[in-house]
Amino acid sequence: MSSLAPQVRKHLAADALFGLVRHGFARIPAYHSNAGEISLSDALMAALAMFSLKSPSLLAYDKQRAEGNLSTIYGIERVPCDT
């Protein structure tokens, strides 16, 4: 009797799900005219990251932002900050 390995569902991995969310956010029209500012999809992904990481405070979330984890995990190009 041979054992079969279960099929890998790559579309259910976190990277794929975050990609789908980012693609959905990119389809929302941005009505601001500032070309050098943070994109709407980056701002929305940062909000998703803040709630999904469940940081105990905004200061803890800002520390993760400074360490670069948000751009690695969530694909955020320019992370919003308070300055």
PDB file of N, CA and C in Angstrom:
ATOM      1  N   MET A   1       0.835  -1.165   0.000  1.00  0.00           N
ATOM      2  CA  MET A   1       0.000   0.000   0.000  1.00  0.00           C
ATOM      3  C   MET A   1       0.889   1.240   0.000  1.00  0.00           C
ATOM      4  N   SER A   2       0.720   2.071  -0.974  1.00  0.00           N
ATOM      5  CA  SER A   2       1.552   3.266  -1.060  1.00  0.00           C
ATOM      6  C   SER A   2       0.841   4.459  -0.430  1.00  0.00           C
ATOM      7  N   SER A   3       1.611   5.305   0.180  1.00  0.00           N
ATOM      8  CA  SER A   3       1.024   6.507   0.773  1.00  0.00           C
ATOM      9  C   SER A   3       1.253   7.683  -0.169  1.00  0.00           C
ATOM     10  N   LEU A   4       0.223   8.411  -0.405  1.00  0.00           N
ATOM     11  CA  LEU A   4       0.308   9.565  -1.285  1.00  0.00           C
ATOM     12  C   LEU A   4       0.411  10.830  -0.450  1.00  0.00           C
ATOM     13  N   ALA A   5       1.301  11.676  -0.838  1.00  0.00           N
ATOM     14  CA  ALA A   5       1.428  12.956  -0.154  1.00  0.00           C
ATOM     15  C   ALA A   5       0.259  13.844  -0.552  1.00  0.00           C
ATOM     16  N   PRO A   6      -0.283  14.603   0.380  1.00  0.00           N
ATOM     17  CA  PRO A   6      -1.399  15.484   0.032  1.00  0.00           C
ATOM     18  C   PRO A   6      -0.940  16.569  -0.945  1.00  0.00           C
ATOM     19  N   GLN A   7      -1.861  16.978  -1.806  1.00  0.00           N
ATOM     20  CA  GLN A   7      -1.523  18.033  -2.757  1.00  0.00           C
ATOM     21  C   GLN A   7      -1.295  19.345  -2.017  1.00  0.00           C
ATOM     22  N   VAL A   8      -0.307  20.057  -2.455  1.00  0.00           N
ATOM     23  CA  VAL A   8       0.007  21.341  -1.849  1.00  0.00           C
ATOM     24  C   VAL A   8      -0.918  22.385  -2.459  1.00  0.00           C
ATOM     25  N   ARG A   9      -1.538  23.156  -1.628  1.00  0.00           N
ATOM     26  CA  ARG A   9      -2.443  24.207  -2.087  1.00  0.00           C
ATOM     27  C   ARG A   9      -1.737  25.546  -1.937  1.00  0.00           C
ATOM     28  N   LYS A  10      -0.953  25.882  -2.931  1.00  0.00           N
ATOM     29  CA  LYS A  10      -0.153  27.099  -2.870  1.00  0.00           C
ATOM     30  C   LYS A  10      -1.011  28.352  -2.860  1.00  0.00           C
ATOM     31  N   HIS A  11      -2.223  28.263  -3.416  1.00  0.00           N
ATOM     32  CA  HIS A  11      -3.093  29.432  -3.431  1.00  0.00           C
ATOM     33  C   HIS A  11      -3.662  29.739  -2.048  1.00  0.00           C
ATOM     34  N   LEU A  12      -3.503  28.831  -1.090  1.00  0.00           N
ATOM     35  CA  LEU A  12      -3.970  29.059   0.273  1.00  0.00           C
ATOM     36  C   LEU A  12      -2.848  29.487   1.211  1.00  0.00           C
ATOM     37  N   ALA A  13      -1.645  29.622   0.694  1.00  0.00           N
ATOM     38  CA  ALA A  13      -0.525  30.083   1.516  1.00  0.00           C
ATOM     39  C   ALA A  13      -0.675  31.578   1.801  1.00  0.00           C
ATOM     40  N   ALA A  14      -0.046  32.039   2.850  1.00  0.00           N
ATOM     41  CA  ALA A  14      -0.167  33.442   3.242  1.00  0.00           C
ATOM     42  C   ALA A  14       0.320  34.378   2.138  1.00  0.00           C
ATOM     43  N   ASP A  15       1.418  34.036   1.487  1.00  0.00           N
ATOM     44  CA  ASP A  15       1.932  34.893   0.415  1.00  0.00           C
ATOM     45  C   ASP A  15       0.920  35.057  -0.709  1.00  0.00           C
ATOM     46  N   ALA A  16       0.271  33.972  -1.092  1.00  0.00           N
ATOM     47  CA  ALA A  16      -0.715  34.033  -2.168  1.00  0.00           C
ATOM     48  C   ALA A  16      -1.952  34.819  -1.745  1.00  0.00           C
ATOM     49  N   LEU A  17      -2.389  34.634  -0.498  1.00  0.00           N
ATOM     50  CA  LEU A  17      -3.559  35.361  -0.024  1.00  0.00           C
ATOM     51  C   LEU A  17      -3.277  36.852   0.089  1.00  0.00           C
ATOM     52  N   PHE A  18      -2.090  37.220   0.569  1.00  0.00           N
ATOM     53  CA  PHE A  18      -1.734  38.639   0.637  1.00  0.00           C
ATOM     54  C   PHE A  18      -1.620  39.225  -0.767  1.00  0.00           C
ATOM     55  N   GLY A  19      -1.152  38.435  -1.713  1.00  0.00           N
ATOM     56  CA  GLY A  19      -1.087  38.888  -3.100  1.00  0.00           C
ATOM     57  C   GLY A  19      -2.467  39.155  -3.675  1.00  0.00           C
ATOM     58  N   LEU A  20      -3.427  38.276  -3.371  1.00  0.00           N
ATOM     59  CA  LEU A  20      -4.793  38.491  -3.825  1.00  0.00           C
ATOM     60  C   LEU A  20      -5.410  39.746  -3.215  1.00  0.00           C
ATOM     61  N   VAL A  21      -5.154  39.948  -1.937  1.00  0.00           N
ATOM     62  CA  VAL A  21      -5.669  41.156  -1.270  1.00  0.00           C
ATOM     63  C   VAL A  21      -5.037  42.395  -1.877  1.00  0.00           C
ATOM     64  N   ARG A  22      -3.715  42.361  -2.096  1.00  0.00           N
ATOM     65  CA  ARG A  22      -3.021  43.507  -2.699  1.00  0.00           C
ATOM     66  C   ARG A  22      -3.567  43.786  -4.091  1.00  0.00           C
ATOM     67  N   HIS A  23      -3.825  42.751  -4.867  1.00  0.00           N
ATOM     68  CA  HIS A  23      -4.378  42.926  -6.210  1.00  0.00           C
ATOM     69  C   HIS A  23      -5.766  43.575  -6.132  1.00  0.00           C
ATOM     70  N   GLY A  24      -6.560  43.165  -5.166  1.00  0.00           N
ATOM     71  CA  GLY A  24      -7.874  43.779  -4.971  1.00  0.00           C
ATOM     72  C   GLY A  24      -7.765  45.233  -4.556  1.00  0.00           C
ATOM     73  N   PHE A  25      -6.821  45.536  -3.664  1.00  0.00           N
ATOM     74  CA  PHE A  25      -6.614  46.920  -3.248  1.00  0.00           C
ATOM     75  C   PHE A  25      -6.117  47.790  -4.404  1.00  0.00           C
ATOM     76  N   ALA A  26      -5.318  47.222  -5.298  1.00  0.00           N
ATOM     77  CA  ALA A  26      -4.788  47.983  -6.431  1.00  0.00           C
ATOM     78  C   ALA A  26      -5.889  48.376  -7.410  1.00  0.00           C
ATOM     79  N   ARG A  27      -6.982  47.652  -7.403  1.00  0.00           N
ATOM     80  CA  ARG A  27      -8.084  47.959  -8.313  1.00  0.00           C
ATOM     81  C   ARG A  27      -8.950  49.108  -7.822  1.00  0.00           C
ATOM     82  N   ILE A  28      -8.797  49.527  -6.561  1.00  0.00           N
ATOM     83  CA  ILE A  28      -9.566  50.653  -6.019  1.00  0.00           C
ATOM     84  C   ILE A  28      -8.964  51.947  -6.561  1.00  0.00           C
ATOM     85  N   PRO A  29      -9.782  52.802  -7.186  1.00  0.00           N
ATOM     86  CA  PRO A  29      -9.226  54.048  -7.738  1.00  0.00           C
ATOM     87  C   PRO A  29      -8.800  55.016  -6.636  1.00  0.00           C
ATOM     88  N   ALA A  30      -7.655  55.628  -6.825  1.00  0.00           N
ATOM     89  CA  ALA A  30      -7.136  56.629  -5.885  1.00  0.00           C
ATOM     90  C   ALA A  30      -7.430  58.012  -6.455  1.00  0.00           C
ATOM     91  N   TYR A  31      -8.057  58.841  -5.661  1.00  0.00           N
ATOM     92  CA  TYR A  31      -8.458  60.155  -6.142  1.00  0.00           C
ATOM     93  C   TYR A  31      -7.571  61.278  -5.619  1.00  0.00           C
ATOM     94  N   HIS A  32      -6.371  60.968  -5.193  1.00  0.00           N
ATOM     95  CA  HIS A  32      -5.454  62.019  -4.751  1.00  0.00           C
ATOM     96  C   HIS A  32      -4.450  62.292  -5.866  1.00  0.00           C
ATOM     97  N   SER A  33      -3.909  63.494  -5.872  1.00  0.00           N
ATOM     98  CA  SER A  33      -3.029  63.890  -6.974  1.00  0.00           C
ATOM     99  C   SER A  33      -1.553  63.941  -6.583  1.00  0.00           C
ATOM    100  N   ASN A  34      -1.208  63.582  -5.369  1.00  0.00           N
ATOM    101  CA  ASN A  34       0.185  63.631  -4.926  1.00  0.00           C
ATOM    102  C   ASN A  34       0.943  62.421  -5.453  1.00  0.00           C
ATOM    103  N   ALA A  35       1.831  62.653  -6.411  1.00  0.00           N
ATOM    104  CA  ALA A  35       2.564  61.553  -7.034  1.00  0.00           C
ATOM    105  C   ALA A  35       3.627  60.963  -6.110  1.00  0.00           C
ATOM    106  N   GLY A  36       4.201  61.752  -5.213  1.00  0.00           N
ATOM    107  CA  GLY A  36       5.277  61.276  -4.356  1.00  0.00           C
ATOM    108  C   GLY A  36       4.806  60.656  -3.059  1.00  0.00           C
ATOM    109  N   GLU A  37       3.524  60.645  -2.822  1.00  0.00           N
ATOM    110  CA  GLU A  37       2.988  60.115  -1.575  1.00  0.00           C
ATOM    111  C   GLU A  37       2.863  58.598  -1.629  1.00  0.00           C
ATOM    112  N   ILE A  38       2.411  58.032  -0.549  1.00  0.00           N
ATOM    113  CA  ILE A  38       2.224  56.593  -0.426  1.00  0.00           C
ATOM    114  C   ILE A  38       0.996  56.176  -1.235  1.00  0.00           C
ATOM    115  N   SER A  39       1.108  55.072  -1.950  1.00  0.00           N
ATOM    116  CA  SER A  39      -0.012  54.612  -2.768  1.00  0.00           C
ATOM    117  C   SER A  39      -1.152  54.117  -1.876  1.00  0.00           C
ATOM    118  N   LEU A  40      -2.343  54.135  -2.430  1.00  0.00           N
ATOM    119  CA  LEU A  40      -3.514  53.691  -1.679  1.00  0.00           C
ATOM    120  C   LEU A  40      -3.400  52.216  -1.313  1.00  0.00           C
ATOM    121  N   SER A  41      -2.889  51.400  -2.216  1.00  0.00           N
ATOM    122  CA  SER A  41      -2.762  49.971  -1.908  1.00  0.00           C
ATOM    123  C   SER A  41      -1.750  49.728  -0.790  1.00  0.00           C
ATOM    124  N   ASP A  42      -0.666  50.524  -0.737  1.00  0.00           N
ATOM    125  CA  ASP A  42       0.292  50.390   0.367  1.00  0.00           C
ATOM    126  C   ASP A  42      -0.344  50.802   1.695  1.00  0.00           C
ATOM    127  N   ALA A  43      -1.142  51.871   1.684  1.00  0.00           N
ATOM    128  CA  ALA A  43      -1.802  52.318   2.908  1.00  0.00           C
ATOM    129  C   ALA A  43      -2.809  51.277   3.396  1.00  0.00           C
ATOM    130  N   LEU A  44      -3.553  50.686   2.475  1.00  0.00           N
ATOM    131  CA  LEU A  44      -4.536  49.675   2.859  1.00  0.00           C
ATOM    132  C   LEU A  44      -3.856  48.389   3.337  1.00  0.00           C
ATOM    133  N   MET A  45      -2.749  48.013   2.697  1.00  0.00           N
ATOM    134  CA  MET A  45      -2.009  46.831   3.149  1.00  0.00           C
ATOM    135  C   MET A  45      -1.395  47.073   4.530  1.00  0.00           C
ATOM    136  N   ALA A  46      -0.956  48.303   4.806  1.00  0.00           N
ATOM    137  CA  ALA A  46      -0.409  48.625   6.123  1.00  0.00           C
ATOM    138  C   ALA A  46      -1.498  48.521   7.188  1.00  0.00           C
ATOM    139  N   ALA A  47      -2.722  48.940   6.851  1.00  0.00           N
ATOM    140  CA  ALA A  47      -3.836  48.806   7.796  1.00  0.00           C
ATOM    141  C   ALA A  47      -4.151  47.330   8.043  1.00  0.00           C
ATOM    142  N   LEU A  48      -4.136  46.532   6.982  1.00  0.00           N
ATOM    143  CA  LEU A  48      -4.345  45.094   7.136  1.00  0.00           C
ATOM    144  C   LEU A  48      -3.254  44.491   8.017  1.00  0.00           C
ATOM    145  N   ALA A  49      -2.022  44.897   7.806  1.00  0.00           N
ATOM    146  CA  ALA A  49      -0.902  44.384   8.602  1.00  0.00           C
ATOM    147  C   ALA A  49      -1.064  44.756  10.071  1.00  0.00           C
ATOM    148  N   MET A  50      -1.512  45.974  10.337  1.00  0.00           N
ATOM    149  CA  MET A  50      -1.663  46.419  11.717  1.00  0.00           C
ATOM    150  C   MET A  50      -2.678  45.550  12.454  1.00  0.00           C
ATOM    151  N   PHE A  51      -3.762  45.204  11.788  1.00  0.00           N
ATOM    152  CA  PHE A  51      -4.779  44.388  12.452  1.00  0.00           C
ATOM    153  C   PHE A  51      -4.428  42.905  12.458  1.00  0.00           C
ATOM    154  N   SER A  52      -3.776  42.417  11.429  1.00  0.00           N
ATOM    155  CA  SER A  52      -3.478  40.985  11.402  1.00  0.00           C
ATOM    156  C   SER A  52      -2.286  40.614  12.285  1.00  0.00           C
ATOM    157  N   LEU A  53      -1.360  41.538  12.504  1.00  0.00           N
ATOM    158  CA  LEU A  53      -0.230  41.254  13.387  1.00  0.00           C
ATOM    159  C   LEU A  53      -0.598  41.361  14.861  1.00  0.00           C
ATOM    160  N   LYS A  54      -1.703  42.014  15.157  1.00  0.00           N
ATOM    161  CA  LYS A  54      -2.217  42.152  16.521  1.00  0.00           C
ATOM    162  C   LYS A  54      -1.165  42.694  17.476  1.00  0.00           C
ATOM    163  N   SER A  55      -0.543  43.777  17.063  1.00  0.00           N
ATOM    164  CA  SER A  55       0.440  44.424  17.927  1.00  0.00           C
ATOM    165  C   SER A  55      -0.268  44.987  19.158  1.00  0.00           C
ATOM    166  N   PRO A  56       0.360  44.909  20.323  1.00  0.00           N
ATOM    167  CA  PRO A  56      -0.289  45.397  21.537  1.00  0.00           C
ATOM    168  C   PRO A  56      -0.430  46.915  21.580  1.00  0.00           C
ATOM    169  N   SER A  57       0.359  47.623  20.765  1.00  0.00           N
ATOM    170  CA  SER A  57       0.274  49.083  20.731  1.00  0.00           C
ATOM    171  C   SER A  57       0.753  49.575  19.376  1.00  0.00           C
ATOM    172  N   LEU A  58       0.466  50.836  19.093  1.00  0.00           N
ATOM    173  CA  LEU A  58       0.955  51.426  17.851  1.00  0.00           C
ATOM    174  C   LEU A  58       2.474  51.553  17.867  1.00  0.00           C
ATOM    175  N   LEU A  59       3.055  51.706  19.055  1.00  0.00           N
ATOM    176  CA  LEU A  59       4.507  51.769  19.165  1.00  0.00           C
ATOM    177  C   LEU A  59       5.140  50.431  18.772  1.00  0.00           C
ATOM    178  N   ALA A  60       4.538  49.324  19.185  1.00  0.00           N
ATOM    179  CA  ALA A  60       5.045  48.006  18.801  1.00  0.00           C
ATOM    180  C   ALA A  60       4.900  47.788  17.302  1.00  0.00           C
ATOM    181  N   TYR A  61       3.787  48.262  16.736  1.00  0.00           N
ATOM    182  CA  TYR A  61       3.593  48.168  15.285  1.00  0.00           C
ATOM    183  C   TYR A  61       4.640  49.005  14.551  1.00  0.00           C
ATOM    184  N   ASP A  62       4.934  50.194  15.075  1.00  0.00           N
ATOM    185  CA  ASP A  62       5.929  51.059  14.450  1.00  0.00           C
ATOM    186  C   ASP A  62       7.315  50.429  14.506  1.00  0.00           C
ATOM    187  N   LYS A  63       7.601  49.679  15.561  1.00  0.00           N
ATOM    188  CA  LYS A  63       8.892  48.976  15.656  1.00  0.00           C
ATOM    189  C   LYS A  63       9.007  47.921  14.558  1.00  0.00           C
ATOM    190  N   GLN A  64       7.921  47.194  14.285  1.00  0.00           N
ATOM    191  CA  GLN A  64       7.934  46.209  13.209  1.00  0.00           C
ATOM    192  C   GLN A  64       8.084  46.902  11.863  1.00  0.00           C
ATOM    193  N   ARG A  65       7.489  48.071  11.740  1.00  0.00           N
ATOM    194  CA  ARG A  65       7.623  48.844  10.504  1.00  0.00           C
ATOM    195  C   ARG A  65       9.081  49.233  10.295  1.00  0.00           C
ATOM    196  N   ALA A  66       9.727  49.669  11.346  1.00  0.00           N
ATOM    197  CA  ALA A  66      11.116  50.108  11.250  1.00  0.00           C
ATOM    198  C   ALA A  66      12.062  48.944  10.946  1.00  0.00           C
ATOM    199  N   GLU A  67      11.729  47.754  11.395  1.00  0.00           N
ATOM    200  CA  GLU A  67      12.584  46.583  11.159  1.00  0.00           C
ATOM    201  C   GLU A  67      12.467  46.051   9.731  1.00  0.00           C
ATOM    202  N   GLY A  68      11.485  46.501   8.986  1.00  0.00           N
ATOM    203  CA  GLY A  68      11.339  46.080   7.602  1.00  0.00           C
ATOM    204  C   GLY A  68      10.511  44.828   7.407  1.00  0.00           C
ATOM    205  N   ASN A  69       9.878  44.340   8.465  1.00  0.00           N
ATOM    206  CA  ASN A  69       9.082  43.126   8.346  1.00  0.00           C
ATOM    207  C   ASN A  69       7.848  43.318   7.476  1.00  0.00           C
ATOM    208  N   LEU A  70       7.291  44.511   7.472  1.00  0.00           N
ATOM    209  CA  LEU A  70       6.053  44.727   6.734  1.00  0.00           C
ATOM    210  C   LEU A  70       6.271  44.644   5.231  1.00  0.00           C
ATOM    211  N   SER A  71       7.383  45.150   4.762  1.00  0.00           N
ATOM    212  CA  SER A  71       7.628  45.068   3.326  1.00  0.00           C
ATOM    213  C   SER A  71       7.981  43.641   2.910  1.00  0.00           C
ATOM    214  N   THR A  72       8.577  42.885   3.800  1.00  0.00           N
ATOM    215  CA  THR A  72       8.914  41.502   3.481  1.00  0.00           C
ATOM    216  C   THR A  72       7.673  40.614   3.464  1.00  0.00           C
ATOM    217  N   ILE A  73       6.843  40.718   4.477  1.00  0.00           N
ATOM    218  CA  ILE A  73       5.687  39.837   4.614  1.00  0.00           C
ATOM    219  C   ILE A  73       4.522  40.290   3.744  1.00  0.00           C
ATOM    220  N   TYR A  74       4.225  41.580   3.778  1.00  0.00           N
ATOM    221  CA  TYR A  74       3.026  42.094   3.125  1.00  0.00           C
ATOM    222  C   TYR A  74       3.286  42.731   1.766  1.00  0.00           C
ATOM    223  N   GLY A  75       4.523  42.874   1.377  1.00  0.00           N
ATOM    224  CA  GLY A  75       4.839  43.444   0.070  1.00  0.00           C
ATOM    225  C   GLY A  75       4.580  44.931  -0.030  1.00  0.00           C
ATOM    226  N   ILE A  76       4.672  45.628   1.078  1.00  0.00           N
ATOM    227  CA  ILE A  76       4.429  47.068   1.090  1.00  0.00           C
ATOM    228  C   ILE A  76       5.702  47.773   0.644  1.00  0.00           C
ATOM    229  N   GLU A  77       5.606  48.561  -0.413  1.00  0.00           N
ATOM    230  CA  GLU A  77       6.786  49.257  -0.934  1.00  0.00           C
ATOM    231  C   GLU A  77       7.181  50.433  -0.057  1.00  0.00           C
ATOM    232  N   ARG A  78       6.212  51.238   0.315  1.00  0.00           N
ATOM    233  CA  ARG A  78       6.496  52.411   1.155  1.00  0.00           C
ATOM    234  C   ARG A  78       5.521  52.389   2.331  1.00  0.00           C
ATOM    235  N   VAL A  79       6.031  52.067   3.501  1.00  0.00           N
ATOM    236  CA  VAL A  79       5.198  51.903   4.681  1.00  0.00           C
ATOM    237  C   VAL A  79       4.884  53.257   5.285  1.00  0.00           C
ATOM    238  N   PRO A  80       3.624  53.559   5.562  1.00  0.00           N
ATOM    239  CA  PRO A  80       3.270  54.831   6.200  1.00  0.00           C
ATOM    240  C   PRO A  80       3.871  54.932   7.591  1.00  0.00           C
ATOM    241  N   CYS A  81       4.251  56.129   7.979  1.00  0.00           N
ATOM    242  CA  CYS A  81       4.764  56.365   9.327  1.00  0.00           C
ATOM    243  C   CYS A  81       4.210  57.691   9.826  1.00  0.00           C
ATOM    244  N   ASP A  82       4.540  58.056  11.055  1.00  0.00           N
ATOM    245  CA  ASP A  82       3.961  59.254  11.656  1.00  0.00           C
ATOM    246  C   ASP A  82       4.712  60.533  11.322  1.00  0.00           C
ATOM    247  N   THR A  83       5.814  60.465  10.595  1.00  0.00           N
ATOM    248  CA  THR A  83       6.547  61.685  10.271  1.00  0.00           C
ATOM    249  C   THR A  83       6.289  62.123   8.845  1.00  0.00           C
TER     250      THR A  83
END
